[in-house]
């Protein structure tokens, strides 16, 4: 069986890891073993962070919608229930943007939600 030394493949793999570790502190950016551990951990944090970002933005949108609906003397849950009953199908991102930047349009949505709640 021939002997395998892994010449270029190993070098490319190590180079790739060290490139990902660029900017890390001290040996984590210079030595392969330290860099590999740091890069693996940073990739795990990145994966987790991408999921947490979705959670954070959704809660931010809910807070903004809730603040705008409370100004119109309506709770967030009643507002969302009213929109559902009125057949308005807008996601929270769009609703939060309307609440921040387009108050008259958001006011009409509040009116529709209140009307649907009274009707039901």
PDB file of N, CA and C in Angstrom:
ATOM      1  N   UNK A   1       0.846  -1.184   0.000  1.00  0.00           N
ATOM      2  CA  UNK A   1       0.000   0.000   0.000  1.00  0.00           C
ATOM      3  C   UNK A   1       0.889   1.245   0.000  1.00  0.00           C
ATOM      4  N   UNK A   2       0.599   2.221  -0.841  1.00  0.00           N
ATOM      5  CA  UNK A   2       1.445   3.408  -0.907  1.00  0.00           C
ATOM      6  C   UNK A   2       1.275   4.296   0.323  1.00  0.00           C
ATOM      7  N   UNK A   3       2.306   5.023   0.636  1.00  0.00           N
ATOM      8  CA  UNK A   3       2.310   5.939   1.770  1.00  0.00           C
ATOM      9  C   UNK A   3       1.662   7.264   1.354  1.00  0.00           C
ATOM     10  N   UNK A   4       0.807   7.799   2.225  1.00  0.00           N
ATOM     11  CA  UNK A   4       0.107   9.051   1.925  1.00  0.00           C
ATOM     12  C   UNK A   4       0.628  10.137   2.858  1.00  0.00           C
ATOM     13  N   UNK A   5       1.070  11.240   2.264  1.00  0.00           N
ATOM     14  CA  UNK A   5       1.586  12.345   3.087  1.00  0.00           C
ATOM     15  C   UNK A   5       0.634  13.538   3.149  1.00  0.00           C
ATOM     16  N   UNK A   6      -0.386  13.557   2.335  1.00  0.00           N
ATOM     17  CA  UNK A   6      -1.420  14.592   2.327  1.00  0.00           C
ATOM     18  C   UNK A   6      -0.917  15.981   1.943  1.00  0.00           C
ATOM     19  N   UNK A   7       0.145  16.098   1.232  1.00  0.00           N
ATOM     20  CA  UNK A   7       0.769  17.371   0.868  1.00  0.00           C
ATOM     21  C   UNK A   7      -0.128  18.583   0.733  1.00  0.00           C
ATOM     22  N   UNK A   8      -0.707  18.794  -0.431  1.00  0.00           N
ATOM     23  CA  UNK A   8      -1.404  20.058  -0.680  1.00  0.00           C
ATOM     24  C   UNK A   8      -2.746  20.131   0.022  1.00  0.00           C
ATOM     25  N   UNK A   9      -3.447  19.015   0.177  1.00  0.00           N
ATOM     26  CA  UNK A   9      -4.769  19.052   0.806  1.00  0.00           C
ATOM     27  C   UNK A   9      -4.672  19.552   2.244  1.00  0.00           C
ATOM     28  N   UNK A  10      -3.683  19.044   2.967  1.00  0.00           N
ATOM     29  CA  UNK A  10      -3.503  19.470   4.354  1.00  0.00           C
ATOM     30  C   UNK A  10      -3.159  20.960   4.410  1.00  0.00           C
ATOM     31  N   UNK A  11      -2.273  21.388   3.513  1.00  0.00           N
ATOM     32  CA  UNK A  11      -1.868  22.794   3.505  1.00  0.00           C
ATOM     33  C   UNK A  11      -3.058  23.705   3.201  1.00  0.00           C
ATOM     34  N   UNK A  12      -3.870  23.320   2.235  1.00  0.00           N
ATOM     35  CA  UNK A  12      -5.038  24.135   1.891  1.00  0.00           C
ATOM     36  C   UNK A  12      -6.034  24.202   3.055  1.00  0.00           C
ATOM     37  N   UNK A  13      -6.226  23.073   3.705  1.00  0.00           N
ATOM     38  CA  UNK A  13      -7.153  23.027   4.835  1.00  0.00           C
ATOM     39  C   UNK A  13      -6.676  23.933   5.969  1.00  0.00           C
ATOM     40  N   UNK A  14      -5.397  23.844   6.272  1.00  0.00           N
ATOM     41  CA  UNK A  14      -4.845  24.670   7.355  1.00  0.00           C
ATOM     42  C   UNK A  14      -4.874  26.144   6.988  1.00  0.00           C
ATOM     43  N   UNK A  15      -4.573  26.433   5.742  1.00  0.00           N
ATOM     44  CA  UNK A  15      -4.572  27.823   5.285  1.00  0.00           C
ATOM     45  C   UNK A  15      -5.975  28.427   5.394  1.00  0.00           C
ATOM     46  N   UNK A  16      -6.963  27.624   5.042  1.00  0.00           N
ATOM     47  CA  UNK A  16      -8.348  28.068   5.109  1.00  0.00           C
ATOM     48  C   UNK A  16      -8.746  28.377   6.555  1.00  0.00           C
ATOM     49  N   UNK A  17      -8.362  27.503   7.484  1.00  0.00           N
ATOM     50  CA  UNK A  17      -8.671  27.716   8.898  1.00  0.00           C
ATOM     51  C   UNK A  17      -7.982  28.963   9.424  1.00  0.00           C
ATOM     52  N   UNK A  18      -6.706  29.138   9.082  1.00  0.00           N
ATOM     53  CA  UNK A  18      -5.965  30.318   9.542  1.00  0.00           C
ATOM     54  C   UNK A  18      -6.516  31.597   8.919  1.00  0.00           C
ATOM     55  N   UNK A  19      -7.027  31.507   7.705  1.00  0.00           N
ATOM     56  CA  UNK A  19      -7.642  32.685   7.078  1.00  0.00           C
ATOM     57  C   UNK A  19      -8.923  33.074   7.810  1.00  0.00           C
ATOM     58  N   UNK A  20      -9.696  32.066   8.237  1.00  0.00           N
ATOM     59  CA  UNK A  20     -10.914  32.341   9.004  1.00  0.00           C
ATOM     60  C   UNK A  20     -10.587  32.929  10.376  1.00  0.00           C
ATOM     61  N   UNK A  21      -9.394  32.595  10.904  1.00  0.00           N
ATOM     62  CA  UNK A  21      -8.988  33.062  12.237  1.00  0.00           C
ATOM     63  C   UNK A  21      -8.293  34.418  12.177  1.00  0.00           C
ATOM     64  N   UNK A  22      -8.221  35.028  11.005  1.00  0.00           N
ATOM     65  CA  UNK A  22      -7.548  36.323  10.879  1.00  0.00           C
ATOM     66  C   UNK A  22      -8.253  37.348  11.770  1.00  0.00           C
ATOM     67  N   UNK A  23      -7.477  38.059  12.558  1.00  0.00           N
ATOM     68  CA  UNK A  23      -8.048  39.056  13.449  1.00  0.00           C
ATOM     69  C   UNK A  23      -8.267  38.551  14.867  1.00  0.00           C
ATOM     70  N   UNK A  24      -8.104  37.252  15.098  1.00  0.00           N
ATOM     71  CA  UNK A  24      -8.242  36.716  16.445  1.00  0.00           C
ATOM     72  C   UNK A  24      -7.003  37.099  17.259  1.00  0.00           C
ATOM     73  N   UNK A  25      -7.098  36.978  18.572  1.00  0.00           N
ATOM     74  CA  UNK A  25      -6.067  37.464  19.481  1.00  0.00           C
ATOM     75  C   UNK A  25      -4.952  36.444  19.687  1.00  0.00           C
ATOM     76  N   UNK A  26      -3.719  36.908  19.630  1.00  0.00           N
ATOM     77  CA  UNK A  26      -2.500  36.147  19.899  1.00  0.00           C
ATOM     78  C   UNK A  26      -2.438  34.821  19.128  1.00  0.00           C
ATOM     79  N   UNK A  27      -2.261  33.689  19.827  1.00  0.00           N
ATOM     80  CA  UNK A  27      -2.012  32.425  19.142  1.00  0.00           C
ATOM     81  C   UNK A  27      -3.232  31.936  18.367  1.00  0.00           C
ATOM     82  N   UNK A  28      -4.414  32.442  18.700  1.00  0.00           N
ATOM     83  CA  UNK A  28      -5.616  31.980  18.015  1.00  0.00           C
ATOM     84  C   UNK A  28      -5.619  32.349  16.538  1.00  0.00           C
ATOM     85  N   UNK A  29      -4.784  33.304  16.166  1.00  0.00           N
ATOM     86  CA  UNK A  29      -4.695  33.662  14.751  1.00  0.00           C
ATOM     87  C   UNK A  29      -3.409  33.162  14.107  1.00  0.00           C
ATOM     88  N   UNK A  30      -2.501  32.592  14.914  1.00  0.00           N
ATOM     89  CA  UNK A  30      -1.188  32.205  14.388  1.00  0.00           C
ATOM     90  C   UNK A  30      -0.976  30.689  14.348  1.00  0.00           C
ATOM     91  N   UNK A  31      -1.345  30.002  15.425  1.00  0.00           N
ATOM     92  CA  UNK A  31      -1.092  28.576  15.536  1.00  0.00           C
ATOM     93  C   UNK A  31      -2.323  27.778  15.129  1.00  0.00           C
ATOM     94  N   UNK A  32      -2.098  26.735  14.353  1.00  0.00           N
ATOM     95  CA  UNK A  32      -3.207  26.021  13.745  1.00  0.00           C
ATOM     96  C   UNK A  32      -4.170  25.425  14.769  1.00  0.00           C
ATOM     97  N   UNK A  33      -3.652  24.753  15.779  1.00  0.00           N
ATOM     98  CA  UNK A  33      -4.534  24.059  16.721  1.00  0.00           C
ATOM     99  C   UNK A  33      -5.414  25.053  17.481  1.00  0.00           C
ATOM    100  N   UNK A  34      -4.819  26.125  17.960  1.00  0.00           N
ATOM    101  CA  UNK A  34      -5.598  27.154  18.664  1.00  0.00           C
ATOM    102  C   UNK A  34      -6.590  27.804  17.715  1.00  0.00           C
ATOM    103  N   UNK A  35      -6.129  28.053  16.492  1.00  0.00           N
ATOM    104  CA  UNK A  35      -6.989  28.698  15.502  1.00  0.00           C
ATOM    105  C   UNK A  35      -8.181  27.804  15.165  1.00  0.00           C
ATOM    106  N   UNK A  36      -7.939  26.517  15.054  1.00  0.00           N
ATOM    107  CA  UNK A  36      -9.013  25.589  14.707  1.00  0.00           C
ATOM    108  C   UNK A  36     -10.099  25.582  15.782  1.00  0.00           C
ATOM    109  N   UNK A  37      -9.685  25.556  17.041  1.00  0.00           N
ATOM    110  CA  UNK A  37     -10.663  25.585  18.138  1.00  0.00           C
ATOM    111  C   UNK A  37     -11.458  26.886  18.128  1.00  0.00           C
ATOM    112  N   UNK A  38     -10.742  28.000  17.936  1.00  0.00           N
ATOM    113  CA  UNK A  38     -11.405  29.302  17.945  1.00  0.00           C
ATOM    114  C   UNK A  38     -12.362  29.442  16.767  1.00  0.00           C
ATOM    115  N   UNK A  39     -11.964  28.963  15.607  1.00  0.00           N
ATOM    116  CA  UNK A  39     -12.808  29.067  14.417  1.00  0.00           C
ATOM    117  C   UNK A  39     -14.055  28.201  14.574  1.00  0.00           C
ATOM    118  N   UNK A  40     -13.895  26.978  15.091  1.00  0.00           N
ATOM    119  CA  UNK A  40     -15.055  26.115  15.294  1.00  0.00           C
ATOM    120  C   UNK A  40     -16.048  26.749  16.259  1.00  0.00           C
ATOM    121  N   UNK A  41     -15.528  27.347  17.314  1.00  0.00           N
ATOM    122  CA  UNK A  41     -16.404  27.991  18.288  1.00  0.00           C
ATOM    123  C   UNK A  41     -17.097  29.205  17.674  1.00  0.00           C
ATOM    124  N   UNK A  42     -16.335  29.987  16.900  1.00  0.00           N
ATOM    125  CA  UNK A  42     -16.927  31.179  16.291  1.00  0.00           C
ATOM    126  C   UNK A  42     -18.006  30.807  15.282  1.00  0.00           C
ATOM    127  N   UNK A  43     -17.805  29.715  14.561  1.00  0.00           N
ATOM    128  CA  UNK A  43     -18.825  29.262  13.615  1.00  0.00           C
ATOM    129  C   UNK A  43     -20.082  28.795  14.343  1.00  0.00           C
ATOM    130  N   UNK A  44     -19.901  28.160  15.502  1.00  0.00           N
ATOM    131  CA  UNK A  44     -21.067  27.763  16.307  1.00  0.00           C
ATOM    132  C   UNK A  44     -21.820  28.995  16.784  1.00  0.00           C
ATOM    133  N   UNK A  45     -21.076  30.009  17.258  1.00  0.00           N
ATOM    134  CA  UNK A  45     -21.715  31.250  17.710  1.00  0.00           C
ATOM    135  C   UNK A  45     -22.453  31.926  16.558  1.00  0.00           C
ATOM    136  N   UNK A  46     -21.849  31.899  15.370  1.00  0.00           N
ATOM    137  CA  UNK A  46     -22.499  32.505  14.213  1.00  0.00           C
ATOM    138  C   UNK A  46     -23.799  31.813  13.865  1.00  0.00           C
ATOM    139  N   UNK A  47     -23.796  30.490  13.918  1.00  0.00           N
ATOM    140  CA  UNK A  47     -24.998  29.704  13.621  1.00  0.00           C
ATOM    141  C   UNK A  47     -26.100  30.039  14.626  1.00  0.00           C
ATOM    142  N   UNK A  48     -25.710  30.051  15.896  1.00  0.00           N
ATOM    143  CA  UNK A  48     -26.681  30.355  16.950  1.00  0.00           C
ATOM    144  C   UNK A  48     -27.180  31.793  16.826  1.00  0.00           C
ATOM    145  N   UNK A  49     -26.258  32.710  16.507  1.00  0.00           N
ATOM    146  CA  UNK A  49     -26.617  34.122  16.403  1.00  0.00           C
ATOM    147  C   UNK A  49     -27.600  34.406  15.294  1.00  0.00           C
ATOM    148  N   UNK A  50     -27.478  33.668  14.195  1.00  0.00           N
ATOM    149  CA  UNK A  50     -28.422  33.874  13.089  1.00  0.00           C
ATOM    150  C   UNK A  50     -29.835  33.482  13.492  1.00  0.00           C
ATOM    151  N   UNK A  51     -29.960  32.493  14.356  1.00  0.00           N
ATOM    152  CA  UNK A  51     -31.282  32.118  14.838  1.00  0.00           C
ATOM    153  C   UNK A  51     -31.797  33.093  15.903  1.00  0.00           C
ATOM    154  N   UNK A  52     -30.901  33.554  16.772  1.00  0.00           N
ATOM    155  CA  UNK A  52     -31.308  34.518  17.804  1.00  0.00           C
ATOM    156  C   UNK A  52     -31.742  35.845  17.196  1.00  0.00           C
ATOM    157  N   UNK A  53     -31.122  36.216  16.072  1.00  0.00           N
ATOM    158  CA  UNK A  53     -31.465  37.476  15.415  1.00  0.00           C
ATOM    159  C   UNK A  53     -32.932  37.481  14.995  1.00  0.00           C
ATOM    160  N   UNK A  54     -33.406  36.370  14.492  1.00  0.00           N
ATOM    161  CA  UNK A  54     -34.813  36.263  14.084  1.00  0.00           C
ATOM    162  C   UNK A  54     -35.738  36.463  15.282  1.00  0.00           C
ATOM    163  N   UNK A  55     -35.361  35.843  16.413  1.00  0.00           N
ATOM    164  CA  UNK A  55     -36.143  35.957  17.638  1.00  0.00           C
ATOM    165  C   UNK A  55     -36.158  37.401  18.136  1.00  0.00           C
ATOM    166  N   UNK A  56     -34.985  38.050  18.118  1.00  0.00           N
ATOM    167  CA  UNK A  56     -34.872  39.426  18.602  1.00  0.00           C
ATOM    168  C   UNK A  56     -35.695  40.393  17.759  1.00  0.00           C
ATOM    169  N   UNK A  57     -35.623  40.237  16.444  1.00  0.00           N
ATOM    170  CA  UNK A  57     -36.377  41.146  15.579  1.00  0.00           C
ATOM    171  C   UNK A  57     -37.876  40.954  15.744  1.00  0.00           C
ATOM    172  N   UNK A  58     -38.317  39.709  15.877  1.00  0.00           N
ATOM    173  CA  UNK A  58     -39.752  39.470  16.066  1.00  0.00           C
ATOM    174  C   UNK A  58     -40.244  40.138  17.352  1.00  0.00           C
ATOM    175  N   UNK A  59     -39.479  40.030  18.420  1.00  0.00           N
ATOM    176  CA  UNK A  59     -39.893  40.666  19.679  1.00  0.00           C
ATOM    177  C   UNK A  59     -39.870  42.188  19.560  1.00  0.00           C
ATOM    178  N   UNK A  60     -38.909  42.729  18.809  1.00  0.00           N
ATOM    179  CA  UNK A  60     -38.858  44.178  18.583  1.00  0.00           C
ATOM    180  C   UNK A  60     -40.100  44.641  17.833  1.00  0.00           C
ATOM    181  N   UNK A  61     -40.477  43.901  16.787  1.00  0.00           N
ATOM    182  CA  UNK A  61     -41.671  44.272  16.022  1.00  0.00           C
ATOM    183  C   UNK A  61     -42.919  44.225  16.885  1.00  0.00           C
ATOM    184  N   UNK A  62     -42.998  43.219  17.751  1.00  0.00           N
ATOM    185  CA  UNK A  62     -44.172  43.093  18.623  1.00  0.00           C
ATOM    186  C   UNK A  62     -44.243  44.269  19.594  1.00  0.00           C
ATOM    187  N   UNK A  63     -43.100  44.677  20.116  1.00  0.00           N
ATOM    188  CA  UNK A  63     -43.067  45.824  21.037  1.00  0.00           C
ATOM    189  C   UNK A  63     -43.523  47.093  20.321  1.00  0.00           C
ATOM    190  N   UNK A  64     -43.056  47.301  19.092  1.00  0.00           N
ATOM    191  CA  UNK A  64     -43.431  48.506  18.340  1.00  0.00           C
ATOM    192  C   UNK A  64     -44.920  48.513  18.003  1.00  0.00           C
ATOM    193  N   UNK A  65     -45.440  47.369  17.595  1.00  0.00           N
ATOM    194  CA  UNK A  65     -46.867  47.288  17.274  1.00  0.00           C
ATOM    195  C   UNK A  65     -47.695  47.508  18.537  1.00  0.00           C
ATOM    196  N   UNK A  66     -47.266  46.903  19.643  1.00  0.00           N
ATOM    197  CA  UNK A  66     -47.975  47.051  20.907  1.00  0.00           C
ATOM    198  C   UNK A  66     -48.015  48.490  21.383  1.00  0.00           C
ATOM    199  N   UNK A  67     -46.890  49.209  21.215  1.00  0.00           N
ATOM    200  CA  UNK A  67     -46.843  50.616  21.635  1.00  0.00           C
ATOM    201  C   UNK A  67     -47.805  51.451  20.801  1.00  0.00           C
ATOM    202  N   UNK A  68     -47.851  51.187  19.503  1.00  0.00           N
ATOM    203  CA  UNK A  68     -48.730  51.957  18.622  1.00  0.00           C
ATOM    204  C   UNK A  68     -50.202  51.646  18.879  1.00  0.00           C
ATOM    205  N   UNK A  69     -50.509  50.396  19.198  1.00  0.00           N
ATOM    206  CA  UNK A  69     -51.904  50.042  19.453  1.00  0.00           C
ATOM    207  C   UNK A  69     -52.374  50.544  20.820  1.00  0.00           C
ATOM    208  N   UNK A  70     -51.470  50.562  21.793  1.00  0.00           N
ATOM    209  CA  UNK A  70     -51.851  51.095  23.115  1.00  0.00           C
ATOM    210  C   UNK A  70     -52.162  52.582  23.039  1.00  0.00           C
ATOM    211  N   UNK A  71     -51.508  53.287  22.113  1.00  0.00           N
ATOM    212  CA  UNK A  71     -51.805  54.716  21.917  1.00  0.00           C
ATOM    213  C   UNK A  71     -53.238  54.890  21.409  1.00  0.00           C
ATOM    214  N   UNK A  72     -53.759  53.867  20.731  1.00  0.00           N
ATOM    215  CA  UNK A  72     -55.139  53.904  20.233  1.00  0.00           C
ATOM    216  C   UNK A  72     -56.087  53.154  21.171  1.00  0.00           C
ATOM    217  N   UNK A  73     -55.662  52.937  22.404  1.00  0.00           N
ATOM    218  CA  UNK A  73     -56.457  52.284  23.448  1.00  0.00           C
ATOM    219  C   UNK A  73     -56.921  50.885  23.046  1.00  0.00           C
ATOM    220  N   UNK A  74     -55.956  50.096  22.572  1.00  0.00           N
ATOM    221  CA  UNK A  74     -56.219  48.723  22.180  1.00  0.00           C
ATOM    222  C   UNK A  74     -54.981  47.912  22.526  1.00  0.00           C
ATOM    223  N   UNK A  75     -55.183  46.688  23.002  1.00  0.00           N
ATOM    224  CA  UNK A  75     -54.013  45.867  23.334  1.00  0.00           C
ATOM    225  C   UNK A  75     -53.490  45.190  22.068  1.00  0.00           C
ATOM    226  N   UNK A  76     -52.243  44.731  22.159  1.00  0.00           N
ATOM    227  CA  UNK A  76     -51.606  44.063  21.016  1.00  0.00           C
ATOM    228  C   UNK A  76     -52.390  42.823  20.611  1.00  0.00           C
ATOM    229  N   UNK A  77     -52.767  42.008  21.596  1.00  0.00           N
ATOM    230  CA  UNK A  77     -53.443  40.745  21.285  1.00  0.00           C
ATOM    231  C   UNK A  77     -54.819  40.990  20.666  1.00  0.00           C
ATOM    232  N   UNK A  78     -55.546  41.975  21.175  1.00  0.00           N
ATOM    233  CA  UNK A  78     -56.861  42.310  20.606  1.00  0.00           C
ATOM    234  C   UNK A  78     -56.697  42.823  19.177  1.00  0.00           C
ATOM    235  N   UNK A  79     -55.654  43.632  18.961  1.00  0.00           N
ATOM    236  CA  UNK A  79     -55.386  44.172  17.623  1.00  0.00           C
ATOM    237  C   UNK A  79     -55.115  43.047  16.629  1.00  0.00           C
ATOM    238  N   UNK A  80     -54.241  42.109  17.006  1.00  0.00           N
ATOM    239  CA  UNK A  80     -53.904  41.006  16.115  1.00  0.00           C
ATOM    240  C   UNK A  80     -55.131  40.112  15.869  1.00  0.00           C
ATOM    241  N   UNK A  81     -55.939  39.906  16.915  1.00  0.00           N
ATOM    242  CA  UNK A  81     -57.159  39.125  16.769  1.00  0.00           C
ATOM    243  C   UNK A  81     -58.133  39.827  15.822  1.00  0.00           C
ATOM    244  N   UNK A  82     -58.254  41.132  15.980  1.00  0.00           N
ATOM    245  CA  UNK A  82     -59.135  41.912  15.101  1.00  0.00           C
ATOM    246  C   UNK A  82     -58.680  41.870  13.657  1.00  0.00           C
ATOM    247  N   UNK A  83     -57.371  41.972  13.432  1.00  0.00           N
ATOM    248  CA  UNK A  83     -56.853  41.885  12.061  1.00  0.00           C
ATOM    249  C   UNK A  83     -57.153  40.524  11.446  1.00  0.00           C
ATOM    250  N   UNK A  84     -57.007  39.479  12.240  1.00  0.00           N
ATOM    251  CA  UNK A  84     -57.269  38.129  11.750  1.00  0.00           C
ATOM    252  C   UNK A  84     -58.745  37.981  11.376  1.00  0.00           C
ATOM    253  N   UNK A  85     -59.619  38.509  12.231  1.00  0.00           N
ATOM    254  CA  UNK A  85     -61.055  38.427  11.969  1.00  0.00           C
ATOM    255  C   UNK A  85     -61.463  39.290  10.781  1.00  0.00           C
ATOM    256  N   UNK A  86     -60.740  40.394  10.564  1.00  0.00           N
ATOM    257  CA  UNK A  86     -61.029  41.285   9.436  1.00  0.00           C
ATOM    258  C   UNK A  86     -60.449  40.752   8.131  1.00  0.00           C
ATOM    259  N   UNK A  87     -59.631  39.721   8.215  1.00  0.00           N
ATOM    260  CA  UNK A  87     -59.050  39.137   7.006  1.00  0.00           C
ATOM    261  C   UNK A  87     -57.836  39.885   6.491  1.00  0.00           C
ATOM    262  N   UNK A  88     -57.220  40.691   7.347  1.00  0.00           N
ATOM    263  CA  UNK A  88     -56.008  41.415   6.957  1.00  0.00           C
ATOM    264  C   UNK A  88     -54.814  40.507   7.240  1.00  0.00           C
ATOM    265  N   UNK A  89     -54.070  40.196   6.190  1.00  0.00           N
ATOM    266  CA  UNK A  89     -52.960  39.251   6.327  1.00  0.00           C
ATOM    267  C   UNK A  89     -51.631  39.980   6.115  1.00  0.00           C
ATOM    268  N   UNK A  90     -51.178  40.677   7.141  1.00  0.00           N
ATOM    269  CA  UNK A  90     -49.885  41.372   7.091  1.00  0.00           C
ATOM    270  C   UNK A  90     -48.991  40.804   8.185  1.00  0.00           C
ATOM    271  N   UNK A  91     -47.704  40.652   7.875  1.00  0.00           N
ATOM    272  CA  UNK A  91     -46.799  40.122   8.897  1.00  0.00           C
ATOM    273  C   UNK A  91     -46.367  41.230   9.862  1.00  0.00           C
ATOM    274  N   UNK A  92     -45.727  40.821  10.941  1.00  0.00           N
ATOM    275  CA  UNK A  92     -45.367  41.758  12.003  1.00  0.00           C
ATOM    276  C   UNK A  92     -44.319  42.779  11.554  1.00  0.00           C
ATOM    277  N   UNK A  93     -43.453  42.368  10.651  1.00  0.00           N
ATOM    278  CA  UNK A  93     -42.424  43.287  10.150  1.00  0.00           C
ATOM    279  C   UNK A  93     -43.075  44.471   9.443  1.00  0.00           C
ATOM    280  N   UNK A  94     -44.035  44.195   8.583  1.00  0.00           N
ATOM    281  CA  UNK A  94     -44.726  45.252   7.838  1.00  0.00           C
ATOM    282  C   UNK A  94     -45.557  46.101   8.787  1.00  0.00           C
ATOM    283  N   UNK A  95     -46.242  45.459   9.728  1.00  0.00           N
ATOM    284  CA  UNK A  95     -47.064  46.211  10.688  1.00  0.00           C
ATOM    285  C   UNK A  95     -46.214  47.148  11.535  1.00  0.00           C
ATOM    286  N   UNK A  96     -45.045  46.666  11.982  1.00  0.00           N
ATOM    287  CA  UNK A  96     -44.159  47.511  12.796  1.00  0.00           C
ATOM    288  C   UNK A  96     -43.639  48.688  11.985  1.00  0.00           C
ATOM    289  N   UNK A  97     -43.321  48.458  10.723  1.00  0.00           N
ATOM    290  CA  UNK A  97     -42.849  49.542   9.860  1.00  0.00           C
ATOM    291  C   UNK A  97     -43.947  50.578   9.653  1.00  0.00           C
ATOM    292  N   UNK A  98     -45.175  50.112   9.452  1.00  0.00           N
ATOM    293  CA  UNK A  98     -46.300  51.036   9.291  1.00  0.00           C
ATOM    294  C   UNK A  98     -46.531  51.836  10.574  1.00  0.00           C
ATOM    295  N   UNK A  99     -46.423  51.171  11.707  1.00  0.00           N
ATOM    296  CA  UNK A  99     -46.636  51.849  12.991  1.00  0.00           C
ATOM    297  C   UNK A  99     -45.608  52.958  13.199  1.00  0.00           C
ATOM    298  N   UNK A 100     -44.374  52.718  12.735  1.00  0.00           N
ATOM    299  CA  UNK A 100     -43.304  53.708  12.921  1.00  0.00           C
ATOM    300  C   UNK A 100     -43.380  54.837  11.888  1.00  0.00           C
ATOM    301  N   UNK A 101     -43.606  54.484  10.621  1.00  0.00           N
ATOM    302  CA  UNK A 101     -43.415  55.452   9.539  1.00  0.00           C
ATOM    303  C   UNK A 101     -44.684  55.924   8.847  1.00  0.00           C
ATOM    304  N   UNK A 102     -45.787  55.206   9.010  1.00  0.00           N
ATOM    305  CA  UNK A 102     -47.016  55.562   8.296  1.00  0.00           C
ATOM    306  C   UNK A 102     -48.201  55.493   9.257  1.00  0.00           C
ATOM    307  N   UNK A 103     -48.294  56.473  10.148  1.00  0.00           N
ATOM    308  CA  UNK A 103     -49.326  56.462  11.186  1.00  0.00           C
ATOM    309  C   UNK A 103     -50.753  56.474  10.629  1.00  0.00           C
ATOM    310  N   UNK A 104     -51.056  57.246   9.582  1.00  0.00           N
ATOM    311  CA  UNK A 104     -52.442  57.231   9.073  1.00  0.00           C
ATOM    312  C   UNK A 104     -52.879  55.847   8.566  1.00  0.00           C
ATOM    313  N   UNK A 105     -52.008  55.165   7.847  1.00  0.00           N
ATOM    314  CA  UNK A 105     -52.345  53.828   7.351  1.00  0.00           C
ATOM    315  C   UNK A 105     -52.511  52.851   8.504  1.00  0.00           C
ATOM    316  N   UNK A 106     -51.658  52.972   9.515  1.00  0.00           N
ATOM    317  CA  UNK A 106     -51.780  52.105  10.672  1.00  0.00           C
ATOM    318  C   UNK A 106     -53.084  52.400  11.418  1.00  0.00           C
ATOM    319  N   UNK A 107     -53.492  53.672  11.428  1.00  0.00           N
ATOM    320  CA  UNK A 107     -54.761  54.053  12.045  1.00  0.00           C
ATOM    321  C   UNK A 107     -55.949  53.396  11.364  1.00  0.00           C
ATOM    322  N   UNK A 108     -55.892  53.289  10.045  1.00  0.00           N
ATOM    323  CA  UNK A 108     -56.979  52.603   9.339  1.00  0.00           C
ATOM    324  C   UNK A 108     -57.013  51.121   9.687  1.00  0.00           C
ATOM    325  N   UNK A 109     -55.832  50.520   9.857  1.00  0.00           N
ATOM    326  CA  UNK A 109     -55.786  49.112  10.274  1.00  0.00           C
ATOM    327  C   UNK A 109     -56.386  48.938  11.668  1.00  0.00           C
ATOM    328  N   UNK A 110     -56.084  49.880  12.553  1.00  0.00           N
ATOM    329  CA  UNK A 110     -56.662  49.819  13.904  1.00  0.00           C
ATOM    330  C   UNK A 110     -58.181  49.919  13.821  1.00  0.00           C
ATOM    331  N   UNK A 111     -58.671  50.811  12.950  1.00  0.00           N
ATOM    332  CA  UNK A 111     -60.114  50.944  12.753  1.00  0.00           C
ATOM    333  C   UNK A 111     -60.748  49.652  12.253  1.00  0.00           C
ATOM    334  N   UNK A 112     -60.097  49.012  11.291  1.00  0.00           N
ATOM    335  CA  UNK A 112     -60.608  47.735  10.767  1.00  0.00           C
ATOM    336  C   UNK A 112     -60.621  46.663  11.848  1.00  0.00           C
ATOM    337  N   UNK A 113     -59.551  46.634  12.654  1.00  0.00           N
ATOM    338  CA  UNK A 113     -59.469  45.630  13.717  1.00  0.00           C
ATOM    339  C   UNK A 113     -60.560  45.859  14.753  1.00  0.00           C
ATOM    340  N   UNK A 114     -60.800  47.118  15.142  1.00  0.00           N
ATOM    341  CA  UNK A 114     -61.846  47.418  16.115  1.00  0.00           C
ATOM    342  C   UNK A 114     -63.225  47.047  15.572  1.00  0.00           C
ATOM    343  N   UNK A 115     -63.461  47.362  14.285  1.00  0.00           N
ATOM    344  CA  UNK A 115     -64.750  47.041  13.668  1.00  0.00           C
ATOM    345  C   UNK A 115     -64.971  45.523  13.638  1.00  0.00           C
ATOM    346  N   UNK A 116     -63.941  44.770  13.304  1.00  0.00           N
ATOM    347  CA  UNK A 116     -64.056  43.319  13.255  1.00  0.00           C
ATOM    348  C   UNK A 116     -64.299  42.736  14.634  1.00  0.00           C
ATOM    349  N   UNK A 117     -63.681  43.337  15.661  1.00  0.00           N
ATOM    350  CA  UNK A 117     -63.882  42.854  17.034  1.00  0.00           C
ATOM    351  C   UNK A 117     -65.313  43.129  17.491  1.00  0.00           C
ATOM    352  N   UNK A 118     -65.857  44.304  17.156  1.00  0.00           N
ATOM    353  CA  UNK A 118     -67.224  44.635  17.564  1.00  0.00           C
ATOM    354  C   UNK A 118     -68.241  43.753  16.855  1.00  0.00           C
ATOM    355  N   UNK A 119     -67.932  43.437  15.591  1.00  0.00           N
ATOM    356  CA  UNK A 119     -68.825  42.610  14.785  1.00  0.00           C
ATOM    357  C   UNK A 119     -68.863  41.175  15.309  1.00  0.00           C
ATOM    358  N   UNK A 120     -67.731  40.682  15.762  1.00  0.00           N
ATOM    359  CA  UNK A 120     -67.648  39.277  16.203  1.00  0.00           C
ATOM    360  C   UNK A 120     -68.076  39.074  17.632  1.00  0.00           C
TER     361      UNK A 120
END
